[in-house]
Amino acid sequence: KVFRELCPETDDGKTKRIIIEDSSFPSGAMDDPRSYRIRRQASWMTSTIEEVANDERAINHPVNLKKFYELYSQHANVQFILLNRPFLETMASHANDWGEEVAGRSNMIRGFMLILKRFLDHLRQEEG
């Protein structure tokens, strides 16, 4: 029902969608077997928030949202659904799994939050 409302059929009776989803963001652990993925970089764990947000690999992980929007919005009404998990819950979910330092993981996640914020700010300016 949700997709029918968000992506109604065209005049020719066809519905066209592109759905990009993943289990987690940022995901793609260093040992992820999928060859097409940009893997999470070990350097992100020792980077500042700005360094993560400015890293070309991070900007393109799992897809460059700005480029995706610019390309596909010429041909379709592009909509995004953002599911946001509470920050502390996210931090707690993996801290023991990898033995990571809390500060490093926090900076990595906040770096990706900054990438997302920049993208959403860009969209607001275009609509503005």
Protein backbone atom coordinates (compact mmCIF):
# COMPACT_ATOMS: atom_id res chain seq x y z
CA LYS A 1 0.00 0.00 0.00
CA VAL A 2 2.78 2.44 0.91
CA PHE A 3 4.56 1.95 -2.43
CA ARG A 4 1.30 2.32 -4.37
CA GLU A 5 0.75 5.66 -2.64
CA LEU A 6 4.36 6.84 -3.00
CA CYS A 7 4.85 5.51 -6.54
CA PRO A 8 1.51 5.54 -8.36
CA GLU A 9 1.17 3.89 -11.74
CA THR A 10 1.97 5.97 -14.80
CA ASP A 11 -0.55 6.66 -17.59
CA ASP A 12 0.58 3.49 -19.35
CA GLY A 13 -0.19 1.41 -16.24
CA LYS A 14 3.43 0.80 -15.30
CA THR A 15 5.03 1.59 -11.98
CA LYS A 16 8.75 2.28 -11.89
CA ARG A 17 10.82 2.42 -8.73
CA ILE A 18 14.36 2.23 -7.55
CA ILE A 19 14.79 1.14 -3.97
CA ILE A 20 18.16 1.31 -2.26
CA GLU A 21 18.18 -0.23 1.16
CA ASP A 22 20.68 -1.88 3.33
CA SER A 23 20.83 -3.49 6.70
CA SER A 24 22.69 -0.60 8.29
CA PHE A 25 24.33 2.68 7.43
CA PRO A 26 27.26 3.02 7.44
CA SER A 27 27.61 -0.66 6.67
CA GLY A 28 29.93 -2.78 4.59
CA ALA A 29 32.37 -4.20 7.08
CA MET A 30 35.95 -4.60 5.90
CA ASP A 31 35.36 -8.33 5.35
CA ASP A 32 32.04 -7.84 3.46
CA PRO A 33 32.14 -10.31 0.53
CA ARG A 34 30.13 -8.09 -1.86
CA SER A 35 32.64 -6.76 -4.39
CA TYR A 36 30.50 -3.77 -5.43
CA ARG A 37 30.43 -2.26 -1.94
CA ILE A 38 32.66 0.48 -0.63
CA ARG A 39 33.78 -1.15 2.57
CA ARG A 40 33.91 0.60 5.89
CA GLN A 41 37.43 1.98 6.21
CA ALA A 42 39.56 1.30 9.29
CA SER A 43 40.82 4.90 9.04
CA TRP A 44 37.31 6.20 9.80
CA MET A 45 37.70 4.86 13.35
CA THR A 46 40.57 7.27 14.01
CA SER A 47 39.24 10.19 11.96
CA THR A 48 37.49 13.32 13.11
CA ILE A 49 33.85 13.89 12.20
CA GLU A 50 34.89 16.34 9.44
CA GLU A 51 37.50 13.94 8.06
CA VAL A 52 34.89 11.19 7.73
CA ALA A 53 32.33 13.58 6.20
CA ASN A 54 34.89 14.83 3.65
CA ASP A 55 36.26 11.38 2.71
CA GLU A 56 35.28 10.58 -0.90
CA ARG A 57 34.77 6.90 0.00
CA ALA A 58 32.37 7.88 2.79
CA ILE A 59 30.45 10.29 0.55
CA ASN A 60 29.92 7.44 -1.92
CA HIS A 61 28.94 4.86 0.74
CA PRO A 62 26.65 3.07 -0.15
CA VAL A 63 25.68 5.57 -2.89
CA ASN A 64 26.41 9.24 -3.50
CA LEU A 65 22.99 10.67 -2.59
CA LYS A 66 23.56 14.04 -4.26
CA LYS A 67 24.64 12.51 -7.57
CA PHE A 68 21.84 9.94 -7.39
CA TYR A 69 19.26 12.69 -6.83
CA GLU A 70 20.64 14.97 -9.55
CA LEU A 71 20.67 12.16 -12.11
CA TYR A 72 17.30 10.54 -11.38
CA SER A 73 15.27 13.65 -10.50
CA GLN A 74 15.50 14.64 -14.19
CA HIS A 75 13.39 11.59 -15.01
CA ALA A 76 11.30 10.86 -11.92
CA ASN A 77 9.93 12.23 -8.69
CA VAL A 78 12.66 11.14 -6.27
CA GLN A 79 11.62 10.67 -2.66
CA PHE A 80 13.61 9.55 0.35
CA ILE A 81 12.48 7.84 3.51
CA LEU A 82 14.88 8.27 6.41
CA LEU A 83 14.62 5.82 9.27
CA ASN A 84 16.58 7.23 12.17
CA ARG A 85 17.77 5.05 15.02
CA PRO A 86 18.52 6.69 18.38
CA PHE A 87 22.23 7.55 18.55
CA LEU A 88 22.93 5.91 21.92
CA GLU A 89 21.18 2.72 20.85
CA THR A 90 23.28 2.65 17.70
CA MET A 91 26.46 3.16 19.71
CA ALA A 92 25.57 0.42 22.16
CA SER A 93 24.63 -2.11 19.48
CA HIS A 94 28.19 -2.86 18.32
CA ALA A 95 30.56 -1.58 20.98
CA ASN A 96 31.30 -5.04 22.37
CA ASP A 97 31.30 -6.83 19.01
CA TRP A 98 34.44 -5.30 17.61
CA GLY A 99 36.21 -4.00 20.66
CA GLU A 100 36.14 -0.56 19.08
CA GLU A 101 36.80 2.58 20.98
CA VAL A 102 33.60 4.43 21.69
CA ALA A 103 35.01 7.78 20.55
CA GLY A 104 36.13 6.36 17.19
CA ARG A 105 32.78 4.74 16.45
CA SER A 106 30.97 7.87 17.59
CA ASN A 107 33.02 10.06 15.24
CA MET A 108 32.44 7.67 12.34
CA ILE A 109 28.67 7.64 12.84
CA ARG A 110 28.50 11.40 13.37
CA GLY A 111 30.60 11.88 10.21
CA PHE A 112 27.93 10.00 8.25
CA MET A 113 25.23 12.03 9.98
CA LEU A 114 27.03 15.15 8.73
CA ILE A 115 27.10 13.77 5.16
CA LEU A 116 23.35 13.17 5.39
CA LYS A 117 22.72 16.64 6.86
CA ARG A 118 24.69 18.29 4.06
CA PHE A 119 22.68 16.36 1.47
CA LEU A 120 19.34 17.28 3.06
CA ASP A 121 20.40 20.94 3.37
CA HIS A 122 21.31 20.87 -0.34
CA LEU A 123 17.83 19.55 -1.20
CA ARG A 124 16.16 22.24 0.90
CA GLN A 125 18.16 24.96 -0.89
CA GLU A 126 17.11 23.60 -4.27
CA GLU A 127 13.44 23.56 -3.25
CA GLY A 128 13.78 26.96 -1.60
